[in-house]
PDB file of N, CA and C in Angstrom:
ATOM      1  N   UNK A   1      88.188-111.781-160.791  1.00  0.00           N
ATOM      2  CA  UNK A   1      88.100-112.655-159.823  1.00  0.00           C
ATOM      3  C   UNK A   1      86.398-113.546-160.226  1.00  0.00           C
ATOM      4  N   UNK A   2      86.142-114.245-160.454  1.00  0.00           N
ATOM      5  CA  UNK A   2      84.777-114.602-160.718  1.00  0.00           C
ATOM      6  C   UNK A   2      84.552-115.288-159.145  1.00  0.00           C
ATOM      7  N   UNK A   3      82.899-114.774-159.085  1.00  0.00           N
ATOM      8  CA  UNK A   3      82.614-115.141-157.592  1.00  0.00           C
ATOM      9  C   UNK A   3      81.545-116.098-158.283  1.00  0.00           C
ATOM     10  N   UNK A   4      81.016-116.685-157.470  1.00  0.00           N
ATOM     11  CA  UNK A   4      80.078-118.213-157.103  1.00  0.00           C
ATOM     12  C   UNK A   4      78.518-117.533-157.076  1.00  0.00           C
ATOM     13  N   UNK A   5      77.633-117.672-158.018  1.00  0.00           N
ATOM     14  CA  UNK A   5      76.395-117.249-157.513  1.00  0.00           C
ATOM     15  C   UNK A   5      75.284-118.795-156.928  1.00  0.00           C
ATOM     16  N   UNK A   6      74.556-117.657-156.016  1.00  0.00           N
ATOM     17  CA  UNK A   6      73.746-118.894-155.208  1.00  0.00           C
ATOM     18  C   UNK A   6      72.213-118.484-155.072  1.00  0.00           C
ATOM     19  N   UNK A   7      71.426-118.678-155.641  1.00  0.00           N
ATOM     20  CA  UNK A   7      70.180-118.456-155.345  1.00  0.00           C
ATOM     21  C   UNK A   7      69.155-118.847-154.617  1.00  0.00           C
ATOM     22  N   UNK A   8      68.432-118.010-153.971  1.00  0.00           N
ATOM     23  CA  UNK A   8      67.981-118.495-152.747  1.00  0.00           C
ATOM     24  C   UNK A   8      66.148-118.730-153.587  1.00  0.00           C
ATOM     25  N   UNK A   9      65.240-119.809-152.748  1.00  0.00           N
ATOM     26  CA  UNK A   9      64.184-120.197-153.372  1.00  0.00           C
ATOM     27  C   UNK A   9      63.526-118.961-153.644  1.00  0.00           C
ATOM     28  N   UNK A  10      63.503-118.231-152.767  1.00  0.00           N
ATOM     29  CA  UNK A  10      62.094-117.351-154.011  1.00  0.00           C
ATOM     30  C   UNK A  10      62.721-116.459-154.854  1.00  0.00           C
ATOM     31  N   UNK A  11      64.334-116.251-155.104  1.00  0.00           N
ATOM     32  CA  UNK A  11      64.338-115.606-156.318  1.00  0.00           C
ATOM     33  C   UNK A  11      64.210-117.032-157.651  1.00  0.00           C
ATOM     34  N   UNK A  12      64.424-118.149-157.266  1.00  0.00           N
ATOM     35  CA  UNK A  12      64.510-119.137-158.076  1.00  0.00           C
ATOM     36  C   UNK A  12      63.223-119.075-158.794  1.00  0.00           C
ATOM     37  N   UNK A  13      62.342-119.530-157.571  1.00  0.00           N
ATOM     38  CA  UNK A  13      60.531-119.576-157.865  1.00  0.00           C
ATOM     39  C   UNK A  13      60.193-118.235-159.153  1.00  0.00           C
ATOM     40  N   UNK A  14      60.623-116.874-158.635  1.00  0.00           N
ATOM     41  CA  UNK A  14      60.318-115.687-159.437  1.00  0.00           C
ATOM     42  C   UNK A  14      60.727-115.805-161.040  1.00  0.00           C
ATOM     43  N   UNK A  15      62.571-116.671-161.159  1.00  0.00           N
ATOM     44  CA  UNK A  15      62.850-117.012-162.624  1.00  0.00           C
ATOM     45  C   UNK A  15      62.177-117.743-163.191  1.00  0.00           C
ATOM     46  N   UNK A  16      61.607-118.858-162.401  1.00  0.00           N
ATOM     47  CA  UNK A  16      60.737-119.823-163.175  1.00  0.00           C
ATOM     48  C   UNK A  16      59.667-119.227-163.577  1.00  0.00           C
ATOM     49  N   UNK A  17      58.971-118.372-163.145  1.00  0.00           N
ATOM     50  CA  UNK A  17      57.300-117.955-162.966  1.00  0.00           C
ATOM     51  C   UNK A  17      57.505-116.675-164.373  1.00  0.00           C
ATOM     52  N   UNK A  18      58.826-116.383-164.507  1.00  0.00           N
ATOM     53  CA  UNK A  18      58.562-115.133-165.374  1.00  0.00           C
ATOM     54  C   UNK A  18      58.882-115.552-166.833  1.00  0.00           C
ATOM     55  N   UNK A  19      58.823-114.726-168.148  1.00  0.00           N
ATOM     56  CA  UNK A  19      59.152-114.712-169.470  1.00  0.00           C
ATOM     57  C   UNK A  19      60.581-116.019-169.104  1.00  0.00           C
ATOM     58  N   UNK A  20      60.511-116.704-170.209  1.00  0.00           N
ATOM     59  CA  UNK A  20      61.930-117.130-170.248  1.00  0.00           C
ATOM     60  C   UNK A  20      63.023-116.272-170.730  1.00  0.00           C
ATOM     61  N   UNK A  21      62.822-115.573-171.666  1.00  0.00           N
ATOM     62  CA  UNK A  21      63.810-114.565-172.126  1.00  0.00           C
ATOM     63  C   UNK A  21      64.396-113.781-170.960  1.00  0.00           C
ATOM     64  N   UNK A  22      62.945-113.035-170.572  1.00  0.00           N
ATOM     65  CA  UNK A  22      63.591-112.007-169.283  1.00  0.00           C
ATOM     66  C   UNK A  22      64.329-112.732-168.102  1.00  0.00           C
ATOM     67  N   UNK A  23      63.632-114.113-168.061  1.00  0.00           N
ATOM     68  CA  UNK A  23      64.986-114.607-166.761  1.00  0.00           C
ATOM     69  C   UNK A  23      66.249-114.845-167.713  1.00  0.00           C
ATOM     70  N   UNK A  24      66.220-115.552-168.508  1.00  0.00           N
ATOM     71  CA  UNK A  24      67.989-115.774-169.547  1.00  0.00           C
ATOM     72  C   UNK A  24      68.582-114.452-169.312  1.00  0.00           C
ATOM     73  N   UNK A  25      67.849-113.125-169.480  1.00  0.00           N
ATOM     74  CA  UNK A  25      68.695-111.910-169.169  1.00  0.00           C
ATOM     75  C   UNK A  25      69.113-111.947-167.884  1.00  0.00           C
ATOM     76  N   UNK A  26      68.435-111.684-167.205  1.00  0.00           N
ATOM     77  CA  UNK A  26      68.571-111.399-166.069  1.00  0.00           C
ATOM     78  C   UNK A  26      69.873-112.239-165.356  1.00  0.00           C
ATOM     79  N   UNK A  27      69.614-113.558-165.368  1.00  0.00           N
ATOM     80  CA  UNK A  27      70.841-114.602-165.275  1.00  0.00           C
ATOM     81  C   UNK A  27      72.363-114.340-166.236  1.00  0.00           C
ATOM     82  N   UNK A  28      72.083-113.881-167.001  1.00  0.00           N
ATOM     83  CA  UNK A  28      73.174-113.397-167.682  1.00  0.00           C
ATOM     84  C   UNK A  28      73.616-111.628-167.329  1.00  0.00           C
ATOM     85  N   UNK A  29      72.932-111.209-166.764  1.00  0.00           N
ATOM     86  CA  UNK A  29      73.182-109.809-165.791  1.00  0.00           C
ATOM     87  C   UNK A  29      74.065-110.345-164.783  1.00  0.00           C
ATOM     88  N   UNK A  30      73.572-111.025-163.975  1.00  0.00           N
ATOM     89  CA  UNK A  30      74.087-111.908-163.085  1.00  0.00           C
ATOM     90  C   UNK A  30      75.565-112.390-163.105  1.00  0.00           C
ATOM     91  N   UNK A  31      75.624-113.084-164.152  1.00  0.00           N
ATOM     92  CA  UNK A  31      76.842-114.523-164.502  1.00  0.00           C
ATOM     93  C   UNK A  31      77.799-112.781-164.876  1.00  0.00           C
ATOM     94  N   UNK A  32      77.545-111.956-165.436  1.00  0.00           N
ATOM     95  CA  UNK A  32      78.491-111.170-165.827  1.00  0.00           C
ATOM     96  C   UNK A  32      78.922-110.144-164.578  1.00  0.00           C
ATOM     97  N   UNK A  33      78.248-110.046-163.630  1.00  0.00           N
ATOM     98  CA  UNK A  33      78.518-109.305-162.544  1.00  0.00           C
ATOM     99  C   UNK A  33      79.454-110.118-161.862  1.00  0.00           C
ATOM    100  N   UNK A  34      79.042-111.435-161.626  1.00  0.00           N
ATOM    101  CA  UNK A  34      80.059-112.249-160.986  1.00  0.00           C
ATOM    102  C   UNK A  34      81.194-112.216-161.053  1.00  0.00           C
ATOM    103  N   UNK A  35      81.855-112.612-162.559  1.00  0.00           N
ATOM    104  CA  UNK A  35      82.829-112.434-163.417  1.00  0.00           C
ATOM    105  C   UNK A  35      83.450-111.514-163.715  1.00  0.00           C
ATOM    106  N   UNK A  36      82.712-109.646-163.402  1.00  0.00           N
ATOM    107  CA  UNK A  36      83.528-109.019-164.404  1.00  0.00           C
ATOM    108  C   UNK A  36      83.681-108.011-162.864  1.00  0.00           C
ATOM    109  N   UNK A  37      82.510-107.821-162.502  1.00  0.00           N
ATOM    110  CA  UNK A  37      82.489-106.844-160.893  1.00  0.00           C
ATOM    111  C   UNK A  37      81.482-105.743-161.436  1.00  0.00           C
ATOM    112  N   UNK A  38      81.141-105.887-163.225  1.00  0.00           N
ATOM    113  CA  UNK A  38      80.203-104.593-163.892  1.00  0.00           C
ATOM    114  C   UNK A  38      78.846-105.135-163.745  1.00  0.00           C
ATOM    115  N   UNK A  39      78.550-103.749-163.658  1.00  0.00           N
ATOM    116  CA  UNK A  39      76.275-103.793-164.034  1.00  0.00           C
ATOM    117  C   UNK A  39      75.964-102.467-163.270  1.00  0.00           C
ATOM    118  N   UNK A  40      74.748-102.552-163.043  1.00  0.00           N
ATOM    119  CA  UNK A  40      74.090-101.316-162.982  1.00  0.00           C
ATOM    120  C   UNK A  40      73.907-101.646-160.964  1.00  0.00           C
ATOM    121  N   UNK A  41      74.831-101.818-160.370  1.00  0.00           N
ATOM    122  CA  UNK A  41      74.501-102.328-159.375  1.00  0.00           C
ATOM    123  C   UNK A  41      74.728-101.073-157.934  1.00  0.00           C
ATOM    124  N   UNK A  42      73.613-101.116-157.091  1.00  0.00           N
ATOM    125  CA  UNK A  42      73.874 -99.982-156.200  1.00  0.00           C
ATOM    126  C   UNK A  42      73.670-100.406-154.489  1.00  0.00           C
ATOM    127  N   UNK A  43      73.797-100.316-153.585  1.00  0.00           N
ATOM    128  CA  UNK A  43      74.418-100.344-152.371  1.00  0.00           C
ATOM    129  C   UNK A  43      73.221 -99.950-151.736  1.00  0.00           C
ATOM    130  N   UNK A  44      71.998-100.946-151.326  1.00  0.00           N
ATOM    131  CA  UNK A  44      71.060-100.654-150.806  1.00  0.00           C
ATOM    132  C   UNK A  44      71.549 -99.910-149.393  1.00  0.00           C
ATOM    133  N   UNK A  45      70.567 -98.192-149.066  1.00  0.00           N
ATOM    134  CA  UNK A  45      70.511 -97.807-147.726  1.00  0.00           C
ATOM    135  C   UNK A  45      69.752 -98.283-147.136  1.00  0.00           C
ATOM    136  N   UNK A  46      69.679 -97.761-144.927  1.00  0.00           N
ATOM    137  CA  UNK A  46      68.693 -97.824-144.330  1.00  0.00           C
ATOM    138  C   UNK A  46      68.558 -99.080-143.989  1.00  0.00           C
ATOM    139  N   UNK A  47      67.641-100.018-143.786  1.00  0.00           N
ATOM    140  CA  UNK A  47      67.020-101.184-142.802  1.00  0.00           C
ATOM    141  C   UNK A  47      67.842-101.950-143.923  1.00  0.00           C
ATOM    142  N   UNK A  48      67.704-101.946-145.317  1.00  0.00           N
ATOM    143  CA  UNK A  48      68.252-103.076-146.139  1.00  0.00           C
ATOM    144  C   UNK A  48      70.131-102.633-146.587  1.00  0.00           C
ATOM    145  N   UNK A  49      70.999-102.175-145.726  1.00  0.00           N
ATOM    146  CA  UNK A  49      72.061-101.936-145.784  1.00  0.00           C
ATOM    147  C   UNK A  49      72.863-103.540-145.569  1.00  0.00           C
ATOM    148  N   UNK A  50      73.798-103.362-146.564  1.00  0.00           N
ATOM    149  CA  UNK A  50      74.577-104.878-146.353  1.00  0.00           C
ATOM    150  C   UNK A  50      73.707-105.362-147.971  1.00  0.00           C
ATOM    151  N   UNK A  51      72.609-105.042-148.454  1.00  0.00           N
ATOM    152  CA  UNK A  51      72.398-105.437-149.511  1.00  0.00           C
ATOM    153  C   UNK A  51      72.550-104.686-150.959  1.00  0.00           C
ATOM    154  N   UNK A  52      73.006-105.289-151.957  1.00  0.00           N
ATOM    155  CA  UNK A  52      72.890-104.550-153.020  1.00  0.00           C
ATOM    156  C   UNK A  52      71.847-104.950-154.142  1.00  0.00           C
ATOM    157  N   UNK A  53      71.630-103.883-155.487  1.00  0.00           N
ATOM    158  CA  UNK A  53      70.370-104.617-156.469  1.00  0.00           C
ATOM    159  C   UNK A  53      70.979-104.366-157.678  1.00  0.00           C
ATOM    160  N   UNK A  54      71.144-105.530-158.363  1.00  0.00           N
ATOM    161  CA  UNK A  54      71.134-105.010-159.852  1.00  0.00           C
ATOM    162  C   UNK A  54      69.884-104.855-160.956  1.00  0.00           C
ATOM    163  N   UNK A  55      70.012-104.103-161.489  1.00  0.00           N
ATOM    164  CA  UNK A  55      69.516-103.276-162.463  1.00  0.00           C
ATOM    165  C   UNK A  55      69.292-103.776-163.483  1.00  0.00           C
ATOM    166  N   UNK A  56      68.155-104.669-164.414  1.00  0.00           N
ATOM    167  CA  UNK A  56      68.190-105.238-165.508  1.00  0.00           C
ATOM    168  C   UNK A  56      66.735-105.241-166.116  1.00  0.00           C
ATOM    169  N   UNK A  57      66.566-103.740-166.683  1.00  0.00           N
ATOM    170  CA  UNK A  57      65.795-103.554-167.463  1.00  0.00           C
ATOM    171  C   UNK A  57      64.438-102.775-166.400  1.00  0.00           C
ATOM    172  N   UNK A  58      63.271-103.761-166.489  1.00  0.00           N
ATOM    173  CA  UNK A  58      62.661-103.488-164.988  1.00  0.00           C
ATOM    174  C   UNK A  58      62.535-104.275-163.896  1.00  0.00           C
ATOM    175  N   UNK A  59      63.322-105.003-164.021  1.00  0.00           N
ATOM    176  CA  UNK A  59      63.529-106.487-163.304  1.00  0.00           C
ATOM    177  C   UNK A  59      64.701-105.590-161.713  1.00  0.00           C
ATOM    178  N   UNK A  60      64.457-105.867-160.750  1.00  0.00           N
ATOM    179  CA  UNK A  60      65.714-105.746-159.927  1.00  0.00           C
ATOM    180  C   UNK A  60      66.021-106.887-159.335  1.00  0.00           C
ATOM    181  N   UNK A  61      67.185-107.374-159.347  1.00  0.00           N
ATOM    182  CA  UNK A  61      68.027-108.426-158.536  1.00  0.00           C
ATOM    183  C   UNK A  61      68.293-108.171-157.289  1.00  0.00           C
ATOM    184  N   UNK A  62      68.045-108.362-156.266  1.00  0.00           N
ATOM    185  CA  UNK A  62      68.582-108.405-154.556  1.00  0.00           C
ATOM    186  C   UNK A  62      69.637-109.529-154.587  1.00  0.00           C
ATOM    187  N   UNK A  63      70.495-108.864-153.646  1.00  0.00           N
ATOM    188  CA  UNK A  63      71.813-109.905-153.323  1.00  0.00           C
ATOM    189  C   UNK A  63      72.523-109.693-152.063  1.00  0.00           C
ATOM    190  N   UNK A  64      73.498-109.918-151.646  1.00  0.00           N
ATOM    191  CA  UNK A  64      74.187-109.978-150.447  1.00  0.00           C
ATOM    192  C   UNK A  64      75.483-110.872-151.263  1.00  0.00           C
ATOM    193  N   UNK A  65      77.086-109.827-150.732  1.00  0.00           N
ATOM    194  CA  UNK A  65      78.326-110.515-151.208  1.00  0.00           C
ATOM    195  C   UNK A  65      78.729-111.323-149.798  1.00  0.00           C
ATOM    196  N   UNK A  66      78.526-112.531-149.850  1.00  0.00           N
ATOM    197  CA  UNK A  66      79.281-113.445-148.720  1.00  0.00           C
ATOM    198  C   UNK A  66      80.809-113.749-149.034  1.00  0.00           C
ATOM    199  N   UNK A  67      81.356-113.452-147.885  1.00  0.00           N
ATOM    200  CA  UNK A  67      83.107-114.258-148.517  1.00  0.00           C
ATOM    201  C   UNK A  67      82.483-115.466-148.208  1.00  0.00           C
ATOM    202  N   UNK A  68      83.777-116.671-148.832  1.00  0.00           N
ATOM    203  CA  UNK A  68      84.395-115.926-149.567  1.00  0.00           C
ATOM    204  C   UNK A  68      84.107-116.020-151.187  1.00  0.00           C
ATOM    205  N   UNK A  69      83.934-115.029-151.835  1.00  0.00           N
ATOM    206  CA  UNK A  69      83.801-114.887-152.986  1.00  0.00           C
ATOM    207  C   UNK A  69      82.000-115.566-153.658  1.00  0.00           C
ATOM    208  N   UNK A  70      80.920-115.256-153.092  1.00  0.00           N
ATOM    209  CA  UNK A  70      79.784-115.666-153.228  1.00  0.00           C
ATOM    210  C   UNK A  70      78.910-114.772-153.277  1.00  0.00           C
ATOM    211  N   UNK A  71      78.610-114.818-153.990  1.00  0.00           N
ATOM    212  CA  UNK A  71      77.370-113.676-154.189  1.00  0.00           C
ATOM    213  C   UNK A  71      75.414-114.735-154.097  1.00  0.00           C
ATOM    214  N   UNK A  72      75.215-114.367-153.123  1.00  0.00           N
ATOM    215  CA  UNK A  72      73.342-114.778-152.653  1.00  0.00           C
ATOM    216  C   UNK A  72      72.373-114.205-153.306  1.00  0.00           C
ATOM    217  N   UNK A  73      71.735-114.558-154.100  1.00  0.00           N
ATOM    218  CA  UNK A  73      70.506-113.708-154.786  1.00  0.00           C
ATOM    219  C   UNK A  73      69.180-113.843-154.144  1.00  0.00           C
ATOM    220  N   UNK A  74      68.653-113.125-153.249  1.00  0.00           N
ATOM    221  CA  UNK A  74      67.689-113.530-152.423  1.00  0.00           C
ATOM    222  C   UNK A  74      66.554-113.143-153.031  1.00  0.00           C
ATOM    223  N   UNK A  75      66.184-112.113-153.996  1.00  0.00           N
ATOM    224  CA  UNK A  75      65.133-111.860-154.401  1.00  0.00           C
ATOM    225  C   UNK A  75      65.065-111.015-156.257  1.00  0.00           C
ATOM    226  N   UNK A  76      64.171-111.437-156.699  1.00  0.00           N
ATOM    227  CA  UNK A  76      64.236-110.614-158.386  1.00  0.00           C
ATOM    228  C   UNK A  76      62.617-110.322-158.194  1.00  0.00           C
ATOM    229  N   UNK A  77      62.487-108.810-158.315  1.00  0.00           N
ATOM    230  CA  UNK A  77      61.293-108.339-158.236  1.00  0.00           C
ATOM    231  C   UNK A  77      61.270-107.361-159.561  1.00  0.00           C
ATOM    232  N   UNK A  78      60.080-106.657-159.833  1.00  0.00           N
ATOM    233  CA  UNK A  78      59.593-106.039-161.024  1.00  0.00           C
ATOM    234  C   UNK A  78      59.663-104.353-160.137  1.00  0.00           C
ATOM    235  N   UNK A  79      60.536-103.872-161.046  1.00  0.00           N
ATOM    236  CA  UNK A  79      60.581-102.716-160.207  1.00  0.00           C
ATOM    237  C   UNK A  79      60.004-101.744-159.755  1.00  0.00           C
ATOM    238  N   UNK A  80      58.378-101.879-160.088  1.00  0.00           N
ATOM    239  CA  UNK A  80      57.065-101.051-159.560  1.00  0.00           C
ATOM    240  C   UNK A  80      56.806-101.644-158.065  1.00  0.00           C
ATOM    241  N   UNK A  81      57.065-102.631-157.585  1.00  0.00           N
ATOM    242  CA  UNK A  81      57.127-103.650-156.698  1.00  0.00           C
ATOM    243  C   UNK A  81      58.033-104.203-155.555  1.00  0.00           C
ATOM    244  N   UNK A  82      59.492-103.578-156.120  1.00  0.00           N
ATOM    245  CA  UNK A  82      60.585-104.006-155.405  1.00  0.00           C
ATOM    246  C   UNK A  82      61.102-103.247-154.128  1.00  0.00           C
ATOM    247  N   UNK A  83      60.422-102.059-154.302  1.00  0.00           N
ATOM    248  CA  UNK A  83      60.911-101.210-152.900  1.00  0.00           C
ATOM    249  C   UNK A  83      59.630-100.857-152.144  1.00  0.00           C
TER     250      UNK A  83
END
């Protein structure tokens, strides 16, 4: 089941500012998760309940799963600054 990927402006801005190879790596990981549901994904707890994070090396992509079949990427951040 392929899901549609939507990037919010903050996530798109972060991708535009980072190294091109890193940005492509993150986008490939998100596309793979959208296509297969596989990846280092974890549901967040507490105040961030309902959101998920995908770990890609030192980067974290935060997203929500919105029906029907949509992944909304809200933010991408460096591991040290993400939480």
